[in-house]
């Protein structure tokens, strides 16, 4: 489902060699797909998909390239490609300078520098050494990447989805560690949860959730986290009063066993 919103204030400046451009439109892919700052609405879903595709390919793409990404099993007529691009151009509208956010071109499309993504903002914040910037980056995450987009197979095939999930989880881990060092396990757990929103199977985050529950002094919380993880990975339930840890990573199993107050937890089978 497409959600259209005004672009958030302070969305940043897009910098390119020799010049800078204020971001007027933001394509948000770190959760349910949103396009913020639209002039109108997308008349067809393919126009939205084209906008998202181009936003994740800032160098642009030839018509046959983006057409194959949007319709991998069909050969579309040139008229369809033209009407799709026109619909995207109308929805995006023009920049403050009067130029189309999606300039007209022959055989190739590229968004203007006034169009950015929340993923680009995330990357810029993640490069900082300040945990407050890491927190700002993690707060951009609202769910699974490209959620709600009708066709996002190209993002999977190109490795974009996997990269986003890994980078989000990695930064969330760094933020959790920083907060635990400061003795803030509740805030650390919140950061881990935000990372899991994008990468729900990442055991690095679950291990940190186990530590957060332990630092909060909640043995029941340790058990809940492990139960949640096992439910996600399809692991077994309790056997003789203990979790069957065969489905989780050995590091996760070892950490759980060191923190759990249960006795007789079987070693994982491999």
C-alpha atoms as a PDB file:
ATOM      1  CA  UNK A   1       0.000   0.000   0.000  1.00  0.00           C
ATOM      2  CA  UNK A   2       1.349   3.393  -0.965  1.00  0.00           C
ATOM      3  CA  UNK A   3       1.314   6.133   1.646  1.00  0.00           C
ATOM      4  CA  UNK A   4       1.822   9.693   0.494  1.00  0.00           C
ATOM      5  CA  UNK A   5       3.099  12.281   2.972  1.00  0.00           C
ATOM      6  CA  UNK A   6       4.827  15.594   3.079  1.00  0.00           C
ATOM      7  CA  UNK A   7       8.595  15.274   3.150  1.00  0.00           C
ATOM      8  CA  UNK A   8       9.879  15.646   6.732  1.00  0.00           C
ATOM      9  CA  UNK A   9      11.633  18.881   7.542  1.00  0.00           C
ATOM     10  CA  UNK A  10      15.392  18.616   7.855  1.00  0.00           C
ATOM     11  CA  UNK A  11      15.538  15.712   5.428  1.00  0.00           C
ATOM     12  CA  UNK A  12      18.970  16.893   4.416  1.00  0.00           C
ATOM     13  CA  UNK A  13      20.883  18.071   1.439  1.00  0.00           C
ATOM     14  CA  UNK A  14      21.965  15.895  -1.446  1.00  0.00           C
ATOM     15  CA  UNK A  15      25.567  16.626  -2.260  1.00  0.00           C
ATOM     16  CA  UNK A  16      27.115  16.015  -5.648  1.00  0.00           C
ATOM     17  CA  UNK A  17      30.449  17.115  -7.086  1.00  0.00           C
ATOM     18  CA  UNK A  18      30.333  20.833  -7.680  1.00  0.00           C
ATOM     19  CA  UNK A  19      26.879  21.516  -6.356  1.00  0.00           C
ATOM     20  CA  UNK A  20      24.271  20.745  -3.729  1.00  0.00           C
ATOM     21  CA  UNK A  21      20.535  20.248  -4.069  1.00  0.00           C
ATOM     22  CA  UNK A  22      17.868  20.381  -1.410  1.00  0.00           C
ATOM     23  CA  UNK A  23      15.897  17.138  -1.179  1.00  0.00           C
ATOM     24  CA  UNK A  24      12.280  17.952  -2.001  1.00  0.00           C
ATOM     25  CA  UNK A  25      10.960  14.410  -2.492  1.00  0.00           C
ATOM     26  CA  UNK A  26      11.878  11.390  -0.393  1.00  0.00           C
ATOM     27  CA  UNK A  27      11.244   7.782  -1.343  1.00  0.00           C
ATOM     28  CA  UNK A  28      10.985   5.834   1.901  1.00  0.00           C
ATOM     29  CA  UNK A  29      11.749   2.123   1.656  1.00  0.00           C
ATOM     30  CA  UNK A  30      12.758   1.287   5.246  1.00  0.00           C
ATOM     31  CA  UNK A  31       9.323  -0.131   5.942  1.00  0.00           C
ATOM     32  CA  UNK A  32       5.987   0.375   4.171  1.00  0.00           C
ATOM     33  CA  UNK A  33       6.731   2.167   0.916  1.00  0.00           C
ATOM     34  CA  UNK A  34       6.068   5.899   1.109  1.00  0.00           C
ATOM     35  CA  UNK A  35       6.780   8.758  -1.248  1.00  0.00           C
ATOM     36  CA  UNK A  36       6.923  12.062   0.570  1.00  0.00           C
ATOM     37  CA  UNK A  37       6.568  15.424  -1.105  1.00  0.00           C
ATOM     38  CA  UNK A  38       4.528  14.312  -4.101  1.00  0.00           C
ATOM     39  CA  UNK A  39       2.834  16.872  -6.307  1.00  0.00           C
ATOM     40  CA  UNK A  40      -0.003  14.462  -7.077  1.00  0.00           C
ATOM     41  CA  UNK A  41      -0.807  10.787  -6.803  1.00  0.00           C
ATOM     42  CA  UNK A  42       0.368   7.774  -8.744  1.00  0.00           C
ATOM     43  CA  UNK A  43      -2.206   6.879 -11.377  1.00  0.00           C
ATOM     44  CA  UNK A  44      -0.824   3.354 -11.673  1.00  0.00           C
ATOM     45  CA  UNK A  45       1.193   1.052  -9.436  1.00  0.00           C
ATOM     46  CA  UNK A  46       3.897   0.660 -12.073  1.00  0.00           C
ATOM     47  CA  UNK A  47       4.626   4.388 -11.844  1.00  0.00           C
ATOM     48  CA  UNK A  48       5.295   4.013  -8.125  1.00  0.00           C
ATOM     49  CA  UNK A  49       7.478   0.974  -8.745  1.00  0.00           C
ATOM     50  CA  UNK A  50       9.438   2.902 -11.368  1.00  0.00           C
ATOM     51  CA  UNK A  51       9.992   5.762  -8.938  1.00  0.00           C
ATOM     52  CA  UNK A  52      11.243   3.403  -6.242  1.00  0.00           C
ATOM     53  CA  UNK A  53      13.488   1.580  -8.690  1.00  0.00           C
ATOM     54  CA  UNK A  54      15.056   4.796  -9.959  1.00  0.00           C
ATOM     55  CA  UNK A  55      15.469   6.121  -6.417  1.00  0.00           C
ATOM     56  CA  UNK A  56      17.559   3.056  -5.583  1.00  0.00           C
ATOM     57  CA  UNK A  57      19.544   3.500  -8.816  1.00  0.00           C
ATOM     58  CA  UNK A  58      20.604   7.145  -8.599  1.00  0.00           C
ATOM     59  CA  UNK A  59      22.827   6.841 -11.674  1.00  0.00           C
ATOM     60  CA  UNK A  60      19.716   6.080 -13.714  1.00  0.00           C
ATOM     61  CA  UNK A  61      18.717   3.114 -15.832  1.00  0.00           C
ATOM     62  CA  UNK A  62      18.111   2.363 -19.486  1.00  0.00           C
ATOM     63  CA  UNK A  63      14.503   1.778 -20.448  1.00  0.00           C
ATOM     64  CA  UNK A  64      14.999  -1.904 -21.129  1.00  0.00           C
ATOM     65  CA  UNK A  65      16.715  -2.320 -17.742  1.00  0.00           C
ATOM     66  CA  UNK A  66      13.978  -0.819 -15.594  1.00  0.00           C
ATOM     67  CA  UNK A  67      11.288  -2.435 -17.760  1.00  0.00           C
ATOM     68  CA  UNK A  68      12.811  -5.860 -17.121  1.00  0.00           C
ATOM     69  CA  UNK A  69      12.946  -5.133 -13.385  1.00  0.00           C
ATOM     70  CA  UNK A  70       9.286  -4.093 -13.247  1.00  0.00           C
ATOM     71  CA  UNK A  71       7.977  -6.757 -15.643  1.00  0.00           C
ATOM     72  CA  UNK A  72      10.511  -9.618 -15.487  1.00  0.00           C
ATOM     73  CA  UNK A  73       8.253 -12.071 -17.329  1.00  0.00           C
ATOM     74  CA  UNK A  74       6.819  -9.768 -19.983  1.00  0.00           C
ATOM     75  CA  UNK A  75       8.021  -7.716 -22.907  1.00  0.00           C
ATOM     76  CA  UNK A  76       6.234  -4.388 -22.634  1.00  0.00           C
ATOM     77  CA  UNK A  77       5.381  -2.173 -25.566  1.00  0.00           C
ATOM     78  CA  UNK A  78       7.227   1.163 -25.841  1.00  0.00           C
ATOM     79  CA  UNK A  79       3.898   2.940 -25.401  1.00  0.00           C
ATOM     80  CA  UNK A  80       3.463   1.288 -21.992  1.00  0.00           C
ATOM     81  CA  UNK A  81       6.934   2.335 -20.894  1.00  0.00           C
ATOM     82  CA  UNK A  82       6.266   5.890 -22.046  1.00  0.00           C
ATOM     83  CA  UNK A  83       2.924   6.111 -20.226  1.00  0.00           C
ATOM     84  CA  UNK A  84       4.447   4.645 -17.045  1.00  0.00           C
ATOM     85  CA  UNK A  85       7.242   7.203 -17.059  1.00  0.00           C
ATOM     86  CA  UNK A  86       4.752   9.994 -17.760  1.00  0.00           C
ATOM     87  CA  UNK A  87       2.559   8.916 -14.848  1.00  0.00           C
ATOM     88  CA  UNK A  88       5.574   8.895 -12.520  1.00  0.00           C
ATOM     89  CA  UNK A  89       6.642  12.321 -13.783  1.00  0.00           C
ATOM     90  CA  UNK A  90       3.197  13.820 -13.164  1.00  0.00           C
ATOM     91  CA  UNK A  91       3.015  12.385  -9.646  1.00  0.00           C
ATOM     92  CA  UNK A  92       6.475  13.625  -8.709  1.00  0.00           C
ATOM     93  CA  UNK A  93       5.899  17.071 -10.156  1.00  0.00           C
ATOM     94  CA  UNK A  94       8.512  19.788 -10.435  1.00  0.00           C
ATOM     95  CA  UNK A  95      11.191  21.100  -8.125  1.00  0.00           C
ATOM     96  CA  UNK A  96      11.293  24.595  -6.684  1.00  0.00           C
ATOM     97  CA  UNK A  97      13.485  25.562  -9.646  1.00  0.00           C
ATOM     98  CA  UNK A  98      10.753  24.499 -12.061  1.00  0.00           C
ATOM     99  CA  UNK A  99      12.494  21.362 -13.324  1.00  0.00           C
ATOM    100  CA  UNK A 100      10.836  17.958 -13.419  1.00  0.00           C
ATOM    101  CA  UNK A 101      11.892  15.680 -10.576  1.00  0.00           C
ATOM    102  CA  UNK A 102      11.962  13.014 -13.305  1.00  0.00           C
ATOM    103  CA  UNK A 103      13.520  14.764 -16.295  1.00  0.00           C
ATOM    104  CA  UNK A 104      12.466  13.786 -19.793  1.00  0.00           C
ATOM    105  CA  UNK A 105      15.045  11.709 -21.600  1.00  0.00           C
ATOM    106  CA  UNK A 106      15.327   9.354 -24.562  1.00  0.00           C
ATOM    107  CA  UNK A 107      16.066   5.726 -23.822  1.00  0.00           C
ATOM    108  CA  UNK A 108      17.159   6.273 -20.227  1.00  0.00           C
ATOM    109  CA  UNK A 109      15.631   7.678 -17.013  1.00  0.00           C
ATOM    110  CA  UNK A 110      17.293   9.283 -14.017  1.00  0.00           C
ATOM    111  CA  UNK A 111      15.707  11.108 -11.106  1.00  0.00           C
ATOM    112  CA  UNK A 112      16.794  14.624 -10.346  1.00  0.00           C
ATOM    113  CA  UNK A 113      19.082  15.383  -7.429  1.00  0.00           C
ATOM    114  CA  UNK A 114      16.082  16.774  -5.571  1.00  0.00           C
ATOM    115  CA  UNK A 115      14.818  13.218  -4.999  1.00  0.00           C
ATOM    116  CA  UNK A 116      16.369  11.210  -2.184  1.00  0.00           C
ATOM    117  CA  UNK A 117      15.602   8.123  -0.094  1.00  0.00           C
ATOM    118  CA  UNK A 118      15.409   7.359   3.598  1.00  0.00           C
ATOM    119  CA  UNK A 119      17.999   4.661   2.916  1.00  0.00           C
ATOM    120  CA  UNK A 120      20.438   7.351   1.751  1.00  0.00           C
ATOM    121  CA  UNK A 121      19.736   9.319   4.923  1.00  0.00           C
ATOM    122  CA  UNK A 122      20.299   6.174   6.975  1.00  0.00           C
ATOM    123  CA  UNK A 123      23.676   5.596   5.333  1.00  0.00           C
ATOM    124  CA  UNK A 124      24.799   9.166   5.961  1.00  0.00           C
ATOM    125  CA  UNK A 125      23.857   8.993   9.640  1.00  0.00           C
ATOM    126  CA  UNK A 126      25.439   5.553  10.038  1.00  0.00           C
ATOM    127  CA  UNK A 127      28.814   6.931   8.951  1.00  0.00           C
ATOM    128  CA  UNK A 128      28.892   9.164  12.030  1.00  0.00           C
ATOM    129  CA  UNK A 129      30.808   8.311  15.190  1.00  0.00           C
ATOM    130  CA  UNK A 130      28.023   9.793  17.342  1.00  0.00           C
ATOM    131  CA  UNK A 131      25.563   7.273  18.857  1.00  0.00           C
ATOM    132  CA  UNK A 132      22.878   9.970  18.685  1.00  0.00           C
ATOM    133  CA  UNK A 133      23.209   9.875  14.900  1.00  0.00           C
ATOM    134  CA  UNK A 134      22.997   6.086  14.995  1.00  0.00           C
ATOM    135  CA  UNK A 135      19.770   6.441  16.940  1.00  0.00           C
ATOM    136  CA  UNK A 136      18.428   8.905  14.354  1.00  0.00           C
ATOM    137  CA  UNK A 137      19.277   6.407  11.616  1.00  0.00           C
ATOM    138  CA  UNK A 138      17.629   3.488  13.400  1.00  0.00           C
ATOM    139  CA  UNK A 139      14.522   5.592  14.012  1.00  0.00           C
ATOM    140  CA  UNK A 140      14.051   5.782  10.234  1.00  0.00           C
ATOM    141  CA  UNK A 141      13.295   2.054  10.208  1.00  0.00           C
ATOM    142  CA  UNK A 142       9.571   1.308  10.198  1.00  0.00           C
ATOM    143  CA  UNK A 143       9.481  -2.313   9.046  1.00  0.00           C
ATOM    144  CA  UNK A 144      10.791  -4.682   6.374  1.00  0.00           C
ATOM    145  CA  UNK A 145      12.451  -2.988   3.394  1.00  0.00           C
ATOM    146  CA  UNK A 146      10.102  -2.286   0.466  1.00  0.00           C
ATOM    147  CA  UNK A 147       7.115  -3.532   2.427  1.00  0.00           C
ATOM    148  CA  UNK A 148       3.849  -3.199   0.520  1.00  0.00           C
ATOM    149  CA  UNK A 149       5.455  -2.719  -2.877  1.00  0.00           C
ATOM    150  CA  UNK A 150       3.715  -4.934  -5.426  1.00  0.00           C
ATOM    151  CA  UNK A 151       6.928  -6.021  -7.083  1.00  0.00           C
ATOM    152  CA  UNK A 152      10.248  -5.709  -5.291  1.00  0.00           C
ATOM    153  CA  UNK A 153      11.879  -8.860  -6.664  1.00  0.00           C
ATOM    154  CA  UNK A 154      14.557  -6.755  -8.345  1.00  0.00           C
ATOM    155  CA  UNK A 155      15.675  -5.494  -4.911  1.00  0.00           C
ATOM    156  CA  UNK A 156      16.093  -9.096  -3.763  1.00  0.00           C
ATOM    157  CA  UNK A 157      17.876 -10.248  -6.918  1.00  0.00           C
ATOM    158  CA  UNK A 158      20.267  -7.277  -6.851  1.00  0.00           C
ATOM    159  CA  UNK A 159      21.094  -7.826  -3.188  1.00  0.00           C
ATOM    160  CA  UNK A 160      19.680  -4.465  -2.125  1.00  0.00           C
ATOM    161  CA  UNK A 161      17.204  -5.923   0.357  1.00  0.00           C
ATOM    162  CA  UNK A 162      19.851  -8.112   1.977  1.00  0.00           C
ATOM    163  CA  UNK A 163      22.262  -5.177   2.201  1.00  0.00           C
ATOM    164  CA  UNK A 164      19.666  -2.951   3.856  1.00  0.00           C
ATOM    165  CA  UNK A 165      18.708  -5.628   6.377  1.00  0.00           C
ATOM    166  CA  UNK A 166      22.347  -6.354   7.220  1.00  0.00           C
ATOM    167  CA  UNK A 167      23.342  -2.692   7.533  1.00  0.00           C
ATOM    168  CA  UNK A 168      20.309  -1.877   9.687  1.00  0.00           C
ATOM    169  CA  UNK A 169      20.953  -4.847  11.972  1.00  0.00           C
ATOM    170  CA  UNK A 170      24.644  -3.999  12.200  1.00  0.00           C
ATOM    171  CA  UNK A 171      24.028  -0.394  13.173  1.00  0.00           C
ATOM    172  CA  UNK A 172      21.331  -1.412  15.650  1.00  0.00           C
ATOM    173  CA  UNK A 173      23.869  -3.762  17.255  1.00  0.00           C
ATOM    174  CA  UNK A 174      26.359  -0.912  17.591  1.00  0.00           C
ATOM    175  CA  UNK A 175      23.704   1.275  19.189  1.00  0.00           C
ATOM    176  CA  UNK A 176      22.654  -1.505  21.579  1.00  0.00           C
ATOM    177  CA  UNK A 177      26.260  -2.020  22.650  1.00  0.00           C
ATOM    178  CA  UNK A 178      26.758   1.710  23.221  1.00  0.00           C
ATOM    179  CA  UNK A 179      23.631   1.910  25.353  1.00  0.00           C
ATOM    180  CA  UNK A 180      24.534  -1.160  27.365  1.00  0.00           C
ATOM    181  CA  UNK A 181      27.929   0.353  28.105  1.00  0.00           C
ATOM    182  CA  UNK A 182      26.090   3.390  29.452  1.00  0.00           C
ATOM    183  CA  UNK A 183      23.898   1.201  31.635  1.00  0.00           C
ATOM    184  CA  UNK A 184      20.697   1.793  29.651  1.00  0.00           C
ATOM    185  CA  UNK A 185      19.329  -1.682  28.931  1.00  0.00           C
ATOM    186  CA  UNK A 186      15.759  -0.505  28.257  1.00  0.00           C
ATOM    187  CA  UNK A 187      16.899   1.913  25.549  1.00  0.00           C
ATOM    188  CA  UNK A 188      19.263  -0.759  24.244  1.00  0.00           C
ATOM    189  CA  UNK A 189      16.386  -3.213  23.917  1.00  0.00           C
ATOM    190  CA  UNK A 190      14.345  -0.608  22.037  1.00  0.00           C
ATOM    191  CA  UNK A 191      17.201  -0.210  19.544  1.00  0.00           C
ATOM    192  CA  UNK A 192      17.385  -3.972  19.071  1.00  0.00           C
ATOM    193  CA  UNK A 193      13.648  -4.120  18.441  1.00  0.00           C
ATOM    194  CA  UNK A 194      13.941  -1.405  15.824  1.00  0.00           C
ATOM    195  CA  UNK A 195      16.634  -3.423  14.069  1.00  0.00           C
ATOM    196  CA  UNK A 196      14.487  -6.548  14.183  1.00  0.00           C
ATOM    197  CA  UNK A 197      11.686  -4.635  12.478  1.00  0.00           C
ATOM    198  CA  UNK A 198      13.860  -4.643   9.346  1.00  0.00           C
ATOM    199  CA  UNK A 199      15.733  -7.898   9.911  1.00  0.00           C
ATOM    200  CA  UNK A 200      13.527 -10.165  12.057  1.00  0.00           C
ATOM    201  CA  UNK A 201      15.747 -13.250  11.868  1.00  0.00           C
ATOM    202  CA  UNK A 202      19.050 -11.664  12.817  1.00  0.00           C
ATOM    203  CA  UNK A 203      20.368 -13.579  15.820  1.00  0.00           C
ATOM    204  CA  UNK A 204      22.943 -10.885  16.605  1.00  0.00           C
ATOM    205  CA  UNK A 205      20.018  -8.736  17.700  1.00  0.00           C
ATOM    206  CA  UNK A 206      18.366 -11.544  19.628  1.00  0.00           C
ATOM    207  CA  UNK A 207      21.587 -12.197  21.520  1.00  0.00           C
ATOM    208  CA  UNK A 208      21.640  -8.554  22.513  1.00  0.00           C
ATOM    209  CA  UNK A 209      18.000  -8.736  23.556  1.00  0.00           C
ATOM    210  CA  UNK A 210      18.942 -11.627  25.822  1.00  0.00           C
ATOM    211  CA  UNK A 211      21.660  -9.470  27.371  1.00  0.00           C
ATOM    212  CA  UNK A 212      19.245  -6.536  27.753  1.00  0.00           C
ATOM    213  CA  UNK A 213      16.737  -8.705  29.593  1.00  0.00           C
ATOM    214  CA  UNK A 214      19.473 -10.014  31.846  1.00  0.00           C
ATOM    215  CA  UNK A 215      20.793  -6.512  32.590  1.00  0.00           C
ATOM    216  CA  UNK A 216      17.251  -5.446  33.440  1.00  0.00           C
ATOM    217  CA  UNK A 217      17.112  -8.259  35.965  1.00  0.00           C
ATOM    218  CA  UNK A 218      14.180 -10.028  34.338  1.00  0.00           C
ATOM    219  CA  UNK A 219      14.776 -13.787  34.036  1.00  0.00           C
ATOM    220  CA  UNK A 220      11.322 -14.160  32.510  1.00  0.00           C
ATOM    221  CA  UNK A 221      12.382 -11.693  29.832  1.00  0.00           C
ATOM    222  CA  UNK A 222      15.304 -13.923  28.885  1.00  0.00           C
ATOM    223  CA  UNK A 223      12.891 -16.817  28.418  1.00  0.00           C
ATOM    224  CA  UNK A 224      10.477 -14.687  26.387  1.00  0.00           C
ATOM    225  CA  UNK A 225      13.220 -13.555  24.024  1.00  0.00           C
ATOM    226  CA  UNK A 226      14.388 -17.113  23.416  1.00  0.00           C
ATOM    227  CA  UNK A 227      10.823 -18.293  22.905  1.00  0.00           C
ATOM    228  CA  UNK A 228      10.253 -15.501  20.403  1.00  0.00           C
ATOM    229  CA  UNK A 229      13.398 -16.384  18.475  1.00  0.00           C
ATOM    230  CA  UNK A 230      12.503 -20.061  18.324  1.00  0.00           C
ATOM    231  CA  UNK A 231       9.045 -19.162  17.046  1.00  0.00           C
ATOM    232  CA  UNK A 232      10.647 -17.120  14.251  1.00  0.00           C
ATOM    233  CA  UNK A 233      13.142 -19.755  13.155  1.00  0.00           C
ATOM    234  CA  UNK A 234      10.716 -22.645  13.480  1.00  0.00           C
ATOM    235  CA  UNK A 235      12.515 -24.268  16.377  1.00  0.00           C
ATOM    236  CA  UNK A 236      10.960 -26.740  18.726  1.00  0.00           C
ATOM    237  CA  UNK A 237       9.189 -25.881  21.920  1.00  0.00           C
ATOM    238  CA  UNK A 238      10.071 -26.979  25.398  1.00  0.00           C
ATOM    239  CA  UNK A 239      11.308 -30.475  26.041  1.00  0.00           C
ATOM    240  CA  UNK A 240      11.416 -31.645  29.645  1.00  0.00           C
ATOM    241  CA  UNK A 241      11.054 -28.045  30.819  1.00  0.00           C
ATOM    242  CA  UNK A 242      13.796 -26.644  28.596  1.00  0.00           C
ATOM    243  CA  UNK A 243      13.952 -25.134  25.120  1.00  0.00           C
ATOM    244  CA  UNK A 244      15.190 -27.244  22.240  1.00  0.00           C
ATOM    245  CA  UNK A 245      18.032 -25.056  20.992  1.00  0.00           C
ATOM    246  CA  UNK A 246      18.949 -27.075  17.904  1.00  0.00           C
ATOM    247  CA  UNK A 247      17.527 -24.454  15.528  1.00  0.00           C
ATOM    248  CA  UNK A 248      19.592 -21.489  16.755  1.00  0.00           C
ATOM    249  CA  UNK A 249      23.217 -20.476  16.261  1.00  0.00           C
ATOM    250  CA  UNK A 250      25.655 -22.032  18.766  1.00  0.00           C
ATOM    251  CA  UNK A 251      26.587 -18.554  20.039  1.00  0.00           C
ATOM    252  CA  UNK A 252      22.931 -17.829  20.757  1.00  0.00           C
ATOM    253  CA  UNK A 253      22.432 -21.176  22.468  1.00  0.00           C
ATOM    254  CA  UNK A 254      25.557 -20.713  24.609  1.00  0.00           C
ATOM    255  CA  UNK A 255      24.549 -17.208  25.670  1.00  0.00           C
ATOM    256  CA  UNK A 256      21.029 -18.299  26.529  1.00  0.00           C
ATOM    257  CA  UNK A 257      22.298 -21.199  28.608  1.00  0.00           C
ATOM    258  CA  UNK A 258      24.641 -18.867  30.487  1.00  0.00           C
ATOM    259  CA  UNK A 259      21.817 -16.463  31.317  1.00  0.00           C
ATOM    260  CA  UNK A 260      18.844 -18.758  31.814  1.00  0.00           C
ATOM    261  CA  UNK A 261      17.885 -19.917  35.291  1.00  0.00           C
ATOM    262  CA  UNK A 262      16.408 -23.067  33.834  1.00  0.00           C
ATOM    263  CA  UNK A 263      18.375 -26.191  34.487  1.00  0.00           C
ATOM    264  CA  UNK A 264      19.026 -29.117  32.216  1.00  0.00           C
ATOM    265  CA  UNK A 265      18.775 -27.166  28.955  1.00  0.00           C
ATOM    266  CA  UNK A 266      20.047 -29.607  26.332  1.00  0.00           C
ATOM    267  CA  UNK A 267      22.996 -28.657  24.157  1.00  0.00           C
ATOM    268  CA  UNK A 268      22.012 -27.939  20.541  1.00  0.00           C
ATOM    269  CA  UNK A 269      22.154 -30.883  18.140  1.00  0.00           C
ATOM    270  CA  UNK A 270      24.314 -30.421  15.038  1.00  0.00           C
END
